[in-house]
Amino acid sequence: MSIDLDRIRAAHERIRAYIKRTPVMTSSRLDEASGASLFFKCENFQKIGAFKARGATNAVFSLDDAIARRGVATHSSGNHGAAVARAARLRGIPAHVVMPSNSAKVKVRAVESYGAHILFCEPTEEAREAACADVVKKTGATLIHSFDNEDVMAGQGTAVMELLEDVPDLDLVICPVGGGGLLSGTAVAAKSMRPRIKVIAAEPENVDDAAQSFRAGRLIQTEKKLTIADGLRTNVGAPNFAIIQRYVDDIVIVSEEAIISAMRTIWETMKIIIEPSAAVPYAAIVERKIDVAGKRVGIILTGGNVDLNALPWT
């Protein structure tokens, strides 16, 4: 399994009519606090409110017509499910989304709004996979996995491709890591466009399987604890990890407290809404897990889907 810059560029051509080219924002106050020049790629302004629109749209529109007509299926705690549902509606095909019973209400409503058929399951990876496999078997739909899919990875890589077109002289790119779809696409695109750039991922310490795997040089599956960064609860995928080992420079972990603090700081300073998972890279800077002094740093703000009735600082 592999992706390259040509495949990421092809994905961008395929999806550009269906996604937003999101803005890159800066903050002199955050620059001063970090001692670096920070460039935030605002995927919180993306369609469905998250970068996931890129990969899902590329995967759905890559299917040939005969296969697409049977529909698509996925399992997701929210953003990827909404992205697949939206892409399916744009293509005029059915979508089936398996969601854990503890999914955030705002994310369930988003999936519903695009007309997908939702099936709820127990909030475990095993239950999600089993329920989704059952849907695929019964309907003939194609599984669009949230990260273990080359077309999804290539689509996610288009975010950093745009970032480096807008700000070509970055020294470092930071993005969060869960399953590794975004990190895989980001690392391939960034290193291909700017070979000397550093790519670093940030992960909540409560779900640190990617960091553990990176240190050990082999895939380690961990029992998932709770983290406020609900989009990053997944274990990193095997094909994703192979790409991460080849292209990524480091993976650092951050505390729950730092994630909440970073999220609040970005809300208050930049006047934009981001979800906890999106705050993880800036949390790594706040906790000084990454040396950014004097550097030009790209940060992917992955999404902005937040339950406003359950903000972490209230």
C-alpha atoms as a PDB file:
ATOM      1  CA  MET A   1       0.000   0.000   0.000  1.00  0.00           C
ATOM      2  CA  SER A   2       1.484   3.353  -0.958  1.00  0.00           C
ATOM      3  CA  ILE A   3       0.607   6.889  -1.917  1.00  0.00           C
ATOM      4  CA  ASP A   4       2.740   9.557  -3.558  1.00  0.00           C
ATOM      5  CA  LEU A   5       2.512  13.247  -4.442  1.00  0.00           C
ATOM      6  CA  ASP A   6       1.062  12.523  -7.903  1.00  0.00           C
ATOM      7  CA  ARG A   7      -1.786  10.624  -6.284  1.00  0.00           C
ATOM      8  CA  ILE A   8      -2.377  13.471  -3.808  1.00  0.00           C
ATOM      9  CA  ARG A   9      -2.415  16.013  -6.658  1.00  0.00           C
ATOM     10  CA  ALA A  10      -4.886  13.812  -8.575  1.00  0.00           C
ATOM     11  CA  ALA A  11      -7.077  13.660  -5.458  1.00  0.00           C
ATOM     12  CA  HIS A  12      -7.038  17.452  -5.254  1.00  0.00           C
ATOM     13  CA  GLU A  13      -8.200  17.740  -8.871  1.00  0.00           C
ATOM     14  CA  ARG A  14     -10.978  15.214  -8.184  1.00  0.00           C
ATOM     15  CA  ILE A  15     -12.346  16.909  -5.047  1.00  0.00           C
ATOM     16  CA  ARG A  16     -11.661  20.609  -5.568  1.00  0.00           C
ATOM     17  CA  ALA A  17     -15.221  21.319  -6.761  1.00  0.00           C
ATOM     18  CA  TYR A  18     -16.678  19.706  -3.618  1.00  0.00           C
ATOM     19  CA  ILE A  19     -14.456  21.097  -0.842  1.00  0.00           C
ATOM     20  CA  LYS A  20     -13.272  24.494   0.379  1.00  0.00           C
ATOM     21  CA  ARG A  21      -9.730  25.733   0.015  1.00  0.00           C
ATOM     22  CA  THR A  22      -9.513  26.676   3.674  1.00  0.00           C
ATOM     23  CA  PRO A  23      -7.692  29.799   4.872  1.00  0.00           C
ATOM     24  CA  VAL A  24      -4.337  29.918   6.658  1.00  0.00           C
ATOM     25  CA  MET A  25      -4.567  32.136   9.751  1.00  0.00           C
ATOM     26  CA  THR A  26      -1.908  33.645  11.988  1.00  0.00           C
ATOM     27  CA  SER A  27      -1.845  35.263  15.433  1.00  0.00           C
ATOM     28  CA  SER A  28       0.890  37.650  16.574  1.00  0.00           C
ATOM     29  CA  ARG A  29      -0.073  36.866  20.171  1.00  0.00           C
ATOM     30  CA  LEU A  30       0.414  33.110  19.725  1.00  0.00           C
ATOM     31  CA  ASP A  31       3.644  33.739  17.788  1.00  0.00           C
ATOM     32  CA  GLU A  32       4.956  35.790  20.695  1.00  0.00           C
ATOM     33  CA  ALA A  33       3.941  33.168  23.261  1.00  0.00           C
ATOM     34  CA  SER A  34       5.617  30.347  21.311  1.00  0.00           C
ATOM     35  CA  GLY A  35       8.688  32.182  20.002  1.00  0.00           C
ATOM     36  CA  ALA A  36       7.810  30.900  16.520  1.00  0.00           C
ATOM     37  CA  SER A  37       5.825  31.930  13.439  1.00  0.00           C
ATOM     38  CA  LEU A  38       2.686  29.780  13.466  1.00  0.00           C
ATOM     39  CA  PHE A  39       0.503  29.204  10.401  1.00  0.00           C
ATOM     40  CA  PHE A  40      -2.848  27.554  11.149  1.00  0.00           C
ATOM     41  CA  LYS A  41      -4.518  25.658   8.282  1.00  0.00           C
ATOM     42  CA  CYS A  42      -8.165  26.099   9.266  1.00  0.00           C
ATOM     43  CA  GLU A  43      -9.924  22.855   8.389  1.00  0.00           C
ATOM     44  CA  ASN A  44     -12.526  23.811  11.009  1.00  0.00           C
ATOM     45  CA  PHE A  45     -13.931  25.899   8.111  1.00  0.00           C
ATOM     46  CA  GLN A  46     -13.990  22.877   5.783  1.00  0.00           C
ATOM     47  CA  LYS A  47     -17.228  21.292   4.520  1.00  0.00           C
ATOM     48  CA  ILE A  48     -18.764  19.201   7.373  1.00  0.00           C
ATOM     49  CA  GLY A  49     -16.480  21.206   9.681  1.00  0.00           C
ATOM     50  CA  ALA A  50     -13.435  18.933   9.383  1.00  0.00           C
ATOM     51  CA  PHE A  51     -10.591  17.800   7.088  1.00  0.00           C
ATOM     52  CA  LYS A  52     -12.348  14.427   6.779  1.00  0.00           C
ATOM     53  CA  ALA A  53     -14.373  15.860   3.874  1.00  0.00           C
ATOM     54  CA  ARG A  54     -11.232  15.612   1.735  1.00  0.00           C
ATOM     55  CA  GLY A  55     -10.453  11.927   2.107  1.00  0.00           C
ATOM     56  CA  ALA A  56     -14.052  10.721   2.079  1.00  0.00           C
ATOM     57  CA  THR A  57     -14.918  12.724  -1.041  1.00  0.00           C
ATOM     58  CA  ASN A  58     -11.849  11.427  -2.867  1.00  0.00           C
ATOM     59  CA  ALA A  59     -12.659   7.819  -1.915  1.00  0.00           C
ATOM     60  CA  VAL A  60     -16.352   8.039  -2.862  1.00  0.00           C
ATOM     61  CA  PHE A  61     -15.676   9.776  -6.197  1.00  0.00           C
ATOM     62  CA  SER A  62     -12.886   7.285  -7.035  1.00  0.00           C
ATOM     63  CA  LEU A  63     -15.382   4.375  -7.175  1.00  0.00           C
ATOM     64  CA  ASP A  64     -16.530   3.270 -10.615  1.00  0.00           C
ATOM     65  CA  ASP A  65     -20.223   3.751 -11.360  1.00  0.00           C
ATOM     66  CA  ALA A  66     -21.330   0.116 -11.061  1.00  0.00           C
ATOM     67  CA  ILE A  67     -19.723  -0.280  -7.621  1.00  0.00           C
ATOM     68  CA  ALA A  68     -20.841   3.162  -6.439  1.00  0.00           C
ATOM     69  CA  ARG A  69     -24.491   2.418  -7.199  1.00  0.00           C
ATOM     70  CA  ARG A  70     -24.506  -0.221  -4.438  1.00  0.00           C
ATOM     71  CA  GLY A  71     -23.668   2.493  -1.921  1.00  0.00           C
ATOM     72  CA  VAL A  72     -20.961   3.062   0.654  1.00  0.00           C
ATOM     73  CA  ALA A  73     -20.587   2.160   4.323  1.00  0.00           C
ATOM     74  CA  THR A  74     -18.322   3.157   7.179  1.00  0.00           C
ATOM     75  CA  HIS A  75     -18.025   3.206  10.947  1.00  0.00           C
ATOM     76  CA  SER A  76     -17.234   6.506  12.639  1.00  0.00           C
ATOM     77  CA  SER A  77     -17.693   8.456  15.862  1.00  0.00           C
ATOM     78  CA  GLY A  78     -18.651  11.458  13.776  1.00  0.00           C
ATOM     79  CA  ASN A  79     -16.606  13.543  11.327  1.00  0.00           C
ATOM     80  CA  HIS A  80     -15.693  10.770   8.887  1.00  0.00           C
ATOM     81  CA  GLY A  81     -19.272   9.484   8.982  1.00  0.00           C
ATOM     82  CA  ALA A  82     -20.583  12.933   8.080  1.00  0.00           C
ATOM     83  CA  ALA A  83     -17.960  13.255   5.349  1.00  0.00           C
ATOM     84  CA  VAL A  84     -18.893   9.903   3.766  1.00  0.00           C
ATOM     85  CA  ALA A  85     -22.606  10.728   4.058  1.00  0.00           C
ATOM     86  CA  ARG A  86     -22.090  14.092   2.341  1.00  0.00           C
ATOM     87  CA  ALA A  87     -19.926  12.658  -0.437  1.00  0.00           C
ATOM     88  CA  ALA A  88     -22.498   9.902  -1.069  1.00  0.00           C
ATOM     89  CA  ARG A  89     -25.294  12.451  -1.282  1.00  0.00           C
ATOM     90  CA  LEU A  90     -23.244  14.533  -3.747  1.00  0.00           C
ATOM     91  CA  ARG A  91     -22.786  11.405  -5.868  1.00  0.00           C
ATOM     92  CA  GLY A  92     -26.429  10.340  -5.465  1.00  0.00           C
ATOM     93  CA  ILE A  93     -25.733   6.975  -3.825  1.00  0.00           C
ATOM     94  CA  PRO A  94     -26.810   5.418  -0.480  1.00  0.00           C
ATOM     95  CA  ALA A  95     -24.622   5.726   2.644  1.00  0.00           C
ATOM     96  CA  HIS A  96     -24.681   3.536   5.779  1.00  0.00           C
ATOM     97  CA  VAL A  97     -22.865   4.813   8.869  1.00  0.00           C
ATOM     98  CA  VAL A  98     -22.273   2.725  12.003  1.00  0.00           C
ATOM     99  CA  MET A  99     -21.823   5.004  15.024  1.00  0.00           C
ATOM    100  CA  PRO A 100     -20.923   4.165  18.642  1.00  0.00           C
ATOM    101  CA  SER A 101     -23.778   4.808  21.068  1.00  0.00           C
ATOM    102  CA  ASN A 102     -21.733   7.470  22.903  1.00  0.00           C
ATOM    103  CA  SER A 103     -21.081   9.620  19.822  1.00  0.00           C
ATOM    104  CA  ALA A 104     -21.413  13.383  20.362  1.00  0.00           C
ATOM    105  CA  LYS A 105     -24.961  14.508  19.534  1.00  0.00           C
ATOM    106  CA  VAL A 106     -23.695  17.278  17.257  1.00  0.00           C
ATOM    107  CA  LYS A 107     -21.883  14.660  15.163  1.00  0.00           C
ATOM    108  CA  VAL A 108     -24.912  12.331  15.006  1.00  0.00           C
ATOM    109  CA  ARG A 109     -27.060  15.243  13.811  1.00  0.00           C
ATOM    110  CA  ALA A 110     -24.483  16.044  11.128  1.00  0.00           C
ATOM    111  CA  VAL A 111     -24.546  12.486   9.749  1.00  0.00           C
ATOM    112  CA  GLU A 112     -28.370  12.506   9.811  1.00  0.00           C
ATOM    113  CA  SER A 113     -28.480  15.831   7.965  1.00  0.00           C
ATOM    114  CA  TYR A 114     -26.823  14.279   4.900  1.00  0.00           C
ATOM    115  CA  GLY A 115     -29.434  11.530   4.692  1.00  0.00           C
ATOM    116  CA  ALA A 116     -27.295   8.559   5.717  1.00  0.00           C
ATOM    117  CA  HIS A 117     -28.772   5.468   7.330  1.00  0.00           C
ATOM    118  CA  ILE A 118     -27.316   5.321  10.881  1.00  0.00           C
ATOM    119  CA  LEU A 119     -26.874   2.134  12.881  1.00  0.00           C
ATOM    120  CA  PHE A 120     -25.766   2.502  16.519  1.00  0.00           C
ATOM    121  CA  CYS A 121     -23.500  -0.032  18.234  1.00  0.00           C
ATOM    122  CA  GLU A 122     -21.559  -0.549  21.470  1.00  0.00           C
ATOM    123  CA  PRO A 123     -18.679   1.937  21.799  1.00  0.00           C
ATOM    124  CA  THR A 124     -15.866  -0.530  21.067  1.00  0.00           C
ATOM    125  CA  GLU A 125     -13.728  -0.962  17.954  1.00  0.00           C
ATOM    126  CA  GLU A 126     -14.787  -4.629  17.710  1.00  0.00           C
ATOM    127  CA  ALA A 127     -18.498  -3.755  17.796  1.00  0.00           C
ATOM    128  CA  ARG A 128     -18.054  -1.032  15.181  1.00  0.00           C
ATOM    129  CA  GLU A 129     -16.161  -3.293  12.797  1.00  0.00           C
ATOM    130  CA  ALA A 130     -18.595  -6.195  13.236  1.00  0.00           C
ATOM    131  CA  ALA A 131     -21.672  -4.018  12.661  1.00  0.00           C
ATOM    132  CA  CYS A 132     -20.105  -2.398   9.613  1.00  0.00           C
ATOM    133  CA  ALA A 133     -19.072  -5.757   8.142  1.00  0.00           C
ATOM    134  CA  ASP A 134     -22.680  -6.916   8.571  1.00  0.00           C
ATOM    135  CA  VAL A 135     -23.980  -3.831   6.718  1.00  0.00           C
ATOM    136  CA  VAL A 136     -21.521  -4.385   3.859  1.00  0.00           C
ATOM    137  CA  LYS A 137     -22.548  -8.060   3.603  1.00  0.00           C
ATOM    138  CA  LYS A 138     -26.283  -7.261   3.564  1.00  0.00           C
ATOM    139  CA  THR A 139     -26.196  -4.248   1.213  1.00  0.00           C
ATOM    140  CA  GLY A 140     -23.197  -4.832  -1.056  1.00  0.00           C
ATOM    141  CA  ALA A 141     -21.988  -1.357  -0.141  1.00  0.00           C
ATOM    142  CA  THR A 142     -18.266  -0.524  -0.389  1.00  0.00           C
ATOM    143  CA  LEU A 143     -16.440   0.072   2.880  1.00  0.00           C
ATOM    144  CA  ILE A 144     -14.840   3.538   3.049  1.00  0.00           C
ATOM    145  CA  HIS A 145     -12.522   3.115   6.034  1.00  0.00           C
ATOM    146  CA  SER A 146     -11.603   6.317   7.841  1.00  0.00           C
ATOM    147  CA  PHE A 147      -7.831   5.798   7.560  1.00  0.00           C
ATOM    148  CA  ASP A 148      -6.954   2.320   6.207  1.00  0.00           C
ATOM    149  CA  ASN A 149      -7.702   3.367   2.620  1.00  0.00           C
ATOM    150  CA  GLU A 150      -5.256   4.811   0.080  1.00  0.00           C
ATOM    151  CA  ASP A 151      -7.820   7.151  -1.510  1.00  0.00           C
ATOM    152  CA  VAL A 152      -8.714   8.539   1.931  1.00  0.00           C
ATOM    153  CA  MET A 153      -5.020   9.091   2.784  1.00  0.00           C
ATOM    154  CA  ALA A 154      -4.407  10.826  -0.549  1.00  0.00           C
ATOM    155  CA  GLY A 155      -7.413  13.077  -0.018  1.00  0.00           C
ATOM    156  CA  GLN A 156      -6.281  14.050   3.486  1.00  0.00           C
ATOM    157  CA  GLY A 157      -2.842  14.938   2.088  1.00  0.00           C
ATOM    158  CA  THR A 158      -4.408  17.736   0.042  1.00  0.00           C
ATOM    159  CA  ALA A 159      -4.719  19.933   3.160  1.00  0.00           C
ATOM    160  CA  VAL A 160      -0.946  20.241   3.656  1.00  0.00           C
ATOM    161  CA  MET A 161      -0.460  20.487  -0.112  1.00  0.00           C
ATOM    162  CA  GLU A 162      -2.579  23.658  -0.067  1.00  0.00           C
ATOM    163  CA  LEU A 163      -0.797  24.892   3.071  1.00  0.00           C
ATOM    164  CA  LEU A 164       2.637  24.550   1.427  1.00  0.00           C
ATOM    165  CA  GLU A 165       1.397  26.256  -1.745  1.00  0.00           C
ATOM    166  CA  ASP A 166       0.247  29.206   0.400  1.00  0.00           C
ATOM    167  CA  VAL A 167       3.243  29.193   2.807  1.00  0.00           C
ATOM    168  CA  PRO A 168       6.062  27.380   0.981  1.00  0.00           C
ATOM    169  CA  ASP A 169       8.928  28.047   3.393  1.00  0.00           C
ATOM    170  CA  LEU A 170       7.769  26.133   6.475  1.00  0.00           C
ATOM    171  CA  ASP A 171      10.362  24.386   8.649  1.00  0.00           C
ATOM    172  CA  LEU A 172       7.903  22.106  10.417  1.00  0.00           C
ATOM    173  CA  VAL A 173       4.355  20.762  10.120  1.00  0.00           C
ATOM    174  CA  ILE A 174       2.397  19.461  13.120  1.00  0.00           C
ATOM    175  CA  CYS A 175      -0.827  17.477  12.918  1.00  0.00           C
ATOM    176  CA  PRO A 176      -2.721  15.216  15.323  1.00  0.00           C
ATOM    177  CA  VAL A 177      -2.709  11.439  14.966  1.00  0.00           C
ATOM    178  CA  GLY A 178      -5.477   8.914  15.633  1.00  0.00           C
ATOM    179  CA  GLY A 179      -5.801   6.234  12.963  1.00  0.00           C
ATOM    180  CA  GLY A 180      -3.100   7.915  10.896  1.00  0.00           C
ATOM    181  CA  GLY A 181      -4.979   8.837   7.694  1.00  0.00           C
ATOM    182  CA  LEU A 182      -4.226  12.546   7.971  1.00  0.00           C
ATOM    183  CA  LEU A 183      -0.664  11.988   9.197  1.00  0.00           C
ATOM    184  CA  SER A 184       0.097   9.564   6.332  1.00  0.00           C
ATOM    185  CA  GLY A 185      -1.152  11.952   3.653  1.00  0.00           C
ATOM    186  CA  THR A 186       0.433  14.960   5.359  1.00  0.00           C
ATOM    187  CA  ALA A 187       3.850  13.323   5.692  1.00  0.00           C
ATOM    188  CA  VAL A 188       3.983  12.114   2.075  1.00  0.00           C
ATOM    189  CA  ALA A 189       2.827  15.462   0.647  1.00  0.00           C
ATOM    190  CA  ALA A 190       5.051  17.584   2.897  1.00  0.00           C
ATOM    191  CA  LYS A 191       8.251  15.556   2.403  1.00  0.00           C
ATOM    192  CA  SER A 192       7.647  15.314  -1.364  1.00  0.00           C
ATOM    193  CA  MET A 193       7.082  19.060  -1.767  1.00  0.00           C
ATOM    194  CA  ARG A 194       9.759  20.166   0.716  1.00  0.00           C
ATOM    195  CA  PRO A 195      12.192  17.315   1.498  1.00  0.00           C
ATOM    196  CA  ARG A 196      13.919  19.088   4.410  1.00  0.00           C
ATOM    197  CA  ILE A 197      10.681  19.899   6.267  1.00  0.00           C
ATOM    198  CA  LYS A 198      10.081  18.162   9.608  1.00  0.00           C
ATOM    199  CA  VAL A 199       6.750  16.375  10.150  1.00  0.00           C
ATOM    200  CA  ILE A 200       5.752  15.818  13.775  1.00  0.00           C
ATOM    201  CA  ALA A 201       2.512  14.312  15.085  1.00  0.00           C
ATOM    202  CA  ALA A 202       0.877  14.995  18.441  1.00  0.00           C
ATOM    203  CA  GLU A 203      -1.293  12.528  20.340  1.00  0.00           C
ATOM    204  CA  PRO A 204      -3.174  12.570  23.673  1.00  0.00           C
ATOM    205  CA  GLU A 205      -1.201  10.694  26.348  1.00  0.00           C
ATOM    206  CA  ASN A 206      -4.377   8.740  27.250  1.00  0.00           C
ATOM    207  CA  VAL A 207      -4.370   7.127  23.768  1.00  0.00           C
ATOM    208  CA  ASP A 208      -0.666   7.014  22.946  1.00  0.00           C
ATOM    209  CA  ASP A 209      -0.446   3.876  20.772  1.00  0.00           C
ATOM    210  CA  ALA A 210       1.068   5.763  17.800  1.00  0.00           C
ATOM    211  CA  ALA A 211       3.806   7.266  19.991  1.00  0.00           C
ATOM    212  CA  GLN A 212       4.503   3.881  21.620  1.00  0.00           C
ATOM    213  CA  SER A 213       4.609   2.185  18.220  1.00  0.00           C
ATOM    214  CA  PHE A 214       6.907   4.883  16.800  1.00  0.00           C
ATOM    215  CA  ARG A 215       9.385   4.451  19.686  1.00  0.00           C
ATOM    216  CA  ALA A 216       9.293   0.639  19.515  1.00  0.00           C
ATOM    217  CA  GLY A 217       9.553   0.468  15.726  1.00  0.00           C
ATOM    218  CA  ARG A 218       6.600  -1.925  15.600  1.00  0.00           C
ATOM    219  CA  LEU A 219       2.835  -1.630  15.793  1.00  0.00           C
ATOM    220  CA  ILE A 220       1.525  -1.663  19.373  1.00  0.00           C
ATOM    221  CA  GLN A 221      -2.226  -1.822  20.032  1.00  0.00           C
ATOM    222  CA  THR A 222      -3.342  -0.249  23.315  1.00  0.00           C
ATOM    223  CA  GLU A 223      -6.541  -0.413  25.349  1.00  0.00           C
ATOM    224  CA  LYS A 224      -8.233   2.919  24.726  1.00  0.00           C
ATOM    225  CA  LYS A 225      -8.916   5.148  27.725  1.00  0.00           C
ATOM    226  CA  LEU A 226     -11.102   8.207  27.563  1.00  0.00           C
ATOM    227  CA  THR A 227      -9.733  11.382  26.041  1.00  0.00           C
ATOM    228  CA  ILE A 228     -11.470  14.666  25.387  1.00  0.00           C
ATOM    229  CA  ALA A 229     -10.006  14.448  21.875  1.00  0.00           C
ATOM    230  CA  ASP A 230     -12.671  11.954  20.767  1.00  0.00           C
ATOM    231  CA  GLY A 231     -11.525  11.991  17.146  1.00  0.00           C
ATOM    232  CA  LEU A 232      -8.165  10.465  18.148  1.00  0.00           C
ATOM    233  CA  ARG A 233      -9.299   7.433  20.164  1.00  0.00           C
ATOM    234  CA  THR A 234      -8.520   4.965  17.367  1.00  0.00           C
ATOM    235  CA  ASN A 235      -5.422   2.760  17.218  1.00  0.00           C
ATOM    236  CA  VAL A 236      -3.138   3.661  14.317  1.00  0.00           C
ATOM    237  CA  GLY A 237      -3.616   1.477  11.221  1.00  0.00           C
ATOM    238  CA  ALA A 238      -0.939  -0.932   9.956  1.00  0.00           C
ATOM    239  CA  PRO A 239      -0.606   0.558   6.426  1.00  0.00           C
ATOM    240  CA  ASN A 240      -0.600   4.034   7.944  1.00  0.00           C
ATOM    241  CA  PHE A 241       2.139   3.084  10.391  1.00  0.00           C
ATOM    242  CA  ALA A 242       4.352   1.849   7.543  1.00  0.00           C
ATOM    243  CA  ILE A 243       4.118   5.306   5.926  1.00  0.00           C
ATOM    244  CA  ILE A 244       4.603   7.035   9.306  1.00  0.00           C
ATOM    245  CA  GLN A 245       7.811   5.041   9.954  1.00  0.00           C
ATOM    246  CA  ARG A 246       9.188   6.135   6.603  1.00  0.00           C
ATOM    247  CA  TYR A 247       8.263   9.832   6.582  1.00  0.00           C
ATOM    248  CA  VAL A 248       7.472  11.125  10.099  1.00  0.00           C
ATOM    249  CA  ASP A 249      10.212  12.659  12.273  1.00  0.00           C
ATOM    250  CA  ASP A 250       8.595  12.327  15.705  1.00  0.00           C
ATOM    251  CA  ILE A 251       5.365  11.693  17.615  1.00  0.00           C
ATOM    252  CA  VAL A 252       4.855  13.498  20.930  1.00  0.00           C
ATOM    253  CA  ILE A 253       2.142  13.123  23.581  1.00  0.00           C
ATOM    254  CA  VAL A 254       0.187  15.796  25.438  1.00  0.00           C
ATOM    255  CA  SER A 255      -1.927  15.890  28.596  1.00  0.00           C
ATOM    256  CA  GLU A 256      -5.696  16.314  28.739  1.00  0.00           C
ATOM    257  CA  GLU A 257      -5.180  19.583  30.635  1.00  0.00           C
ATOM    258  CA  ALA A 258      -2.966  20.956  27.874  1.00  0.00           C
ATOM    259  CA  ILE A 259      -5.530  20.020  25.196  1.00  0.00           C
ATOM    260  CA  ILE A 260      -8.284  21.910  27.027  1.00  0.00           C
ATOM    261  CA  SER A 261      -6.022  24.890  27.660  1.00  0.00           C
ATOM    262  CA  ALA A 262      -4.860  24.996  24.020  1.00  0.00           C
ATOM    263  CA  MET A 263      -8.440  24.739  22.744  1.00  0.00           C
ATOM    264  CA  ARG A 264      -9.557  27.603  24.966  1.00  0.00           C
ATOM    265  CA  THR A 265      -6.553  29.745  24.031  1.00  0.00           C
ATOM    266  CA  ILE A 266      -7.302  29.370  20.311  1.00  0.00           C
ATOM    267  CA  TRP A 267     -10.998  30.178  20.855  1.00  0.00           C
ATOM    268  CA  GLU A 268     -10.143  33.282  22.891  1.00  0.00           C
ATOM    269  CA  THR A 269      -7.183  34.522  20.848  1.00  0.00           C
ATOM    270  CA  MET A 270      -8.086  33.656  17.266  1.00  0.00           C
ATOM    271  CA  LYS A 271     -11.880  33.942  17.746  1.00  0.00           C
ATOM    272  CA  ILE A 272     -12.530  30.621  15.991  1.00  0.00           C
ATOM    273  CA  ILE A 273     -14.187  27.391  17.145  1.00  0.00           C
ATOM    274  CA  ILE A 274     -12.027  24.268  17.103  1.00  0.00           C
ATOM    275  CA  GLU A 275     -12.738  20.845  18.583  1.00  0.00           C
ATOM    276  CA  PRO A 276     -10.425  19.204  21.146  1.00  0.00           C
ATOM    277  CA  SER A 277      -8.678  16.953  18.594  1.00  0.00           C
ATOM    278  CA  ALA A 278      -7.726  20.066  16.616  1.00  0.00           C
ATOM    279  CA  ALA A 279      -6.102  21.622  19.692  1.00  0.00           C
ATOM    280  CA  VAL A 280      -3.655  18.742  20.204  1.00  0.00           C
ATOM    281  CA  PRO A 281      -0.816  20.129  17.989  1.00  0.00           C
ATOM    282  CA  TYR A 282      -0.901  23.532  19.694  1.00  0.00           C
ATOM    283  CA  ALA A 283      -1.017  21.737  23.080  1.00  0.00           C
ATOM    284  CA  ALA A 284       2.321  20.132  22.152  1.00  0.00           C
ATOM    285  CA  ILE A 285       3.774  23.627  21.684  1.00  0.00           C
ATOM    286  CA  VAL A 286       2.261  24.863  24.962  1.00  0.00           C
ATOM    287  CA  GLU A 287       3.769  21.894  26.844  1.00  0.00           C
ATOM    288  CA  ARG A 288       7.107  22.458  25.046  1.00  0.00           C
ATOM    289  CA  LYS A 289       7.101  18.924  23.659  1.00  0.00           C
ATOM    290  CA  ILE A 290       8.348  20.303  20.315  1.00  0.00           C
ATOM    291  CA  ASP A 291      11.171  22.817  19.867  1.00  0.00           C
ATOM    292  CA  VAL A 292       9.625  25.514  17.678  1.00  0.00           C
ATOM    293  CA  ALA A 293      11.816  28.500  18.691  1.00  0.00           C
ATOM    294  CA  GLY A 294      12.598  30.670  15.676  1.00  0.00           C
ATOM    295  CA  LYS A 295      10.868  28.265  13.276  1.00  0.00           C
ATOM    296  CA  ARG A 296       8.063  28.687  10.745  1.00  0.00           C
ATOM    297  CA  VAL A 297       5.479  26.116  11.811  1.00  0.00           C
ATOM    298  CA  GLY A 298       2.389  24.850   9.989  1.00  0.00           C
ATOM    299  CA  ILE A 299      -0.402  23.491  12.202  1.00  0.00           C
ATOM    300  CA  ILE A 300      -3.438  21.671  10.831  1.00  0.00           C
ATOM    301  CA  LEU A 301      -6.539  22.648  12.802  1.00  0.00           C
ATOM    302  CA  THR A 302      -8.450  19.511  11.945  1.00  0.00           C
ATOM    303  CA  GLY A 303     -12.046  20.415  12.768  1.00  0.00           C
ATOM    304  CA  GLY A 304     -14.569  22.528  14.632  1.00  0.00           C
ATOM    305  CA  ASN A 305     -17.456  20.220  15.534  1.00  0.00           C
ATOM    306  CA  VAL A 306     -18.123  20.830  19.218  1.00  0.00           C
ATOM    307  CA  ASP A 307     -21.084  20.134  21.469  1.00  0.00           C
ATOM    308  CA  LEU A 308     -21.677  23.671  22.755  1.00  0.00           C
ATOM    309  CA  ASN A 309     -23.662  22.272  25.702  1.00  0.00           C
ATOM    310  CA  ALA A 310     -20.634  20.311  26.925  1.00  0.00           C
ATOM    311  CA  LEU A 311     -17.608  22.575  26.641  1.00  0.00           C
ATOM    312  CA  PRO A 312     -14.603  21.184  28.566  1.00  0.00           C
ATOM    313  CA  TRP A 313     -13.984  24.309  30.614  1.00  0.00           C
ATOM    314  CA  THR A 314     -17.559  24.699  31.930  1.00  0.00           C
END
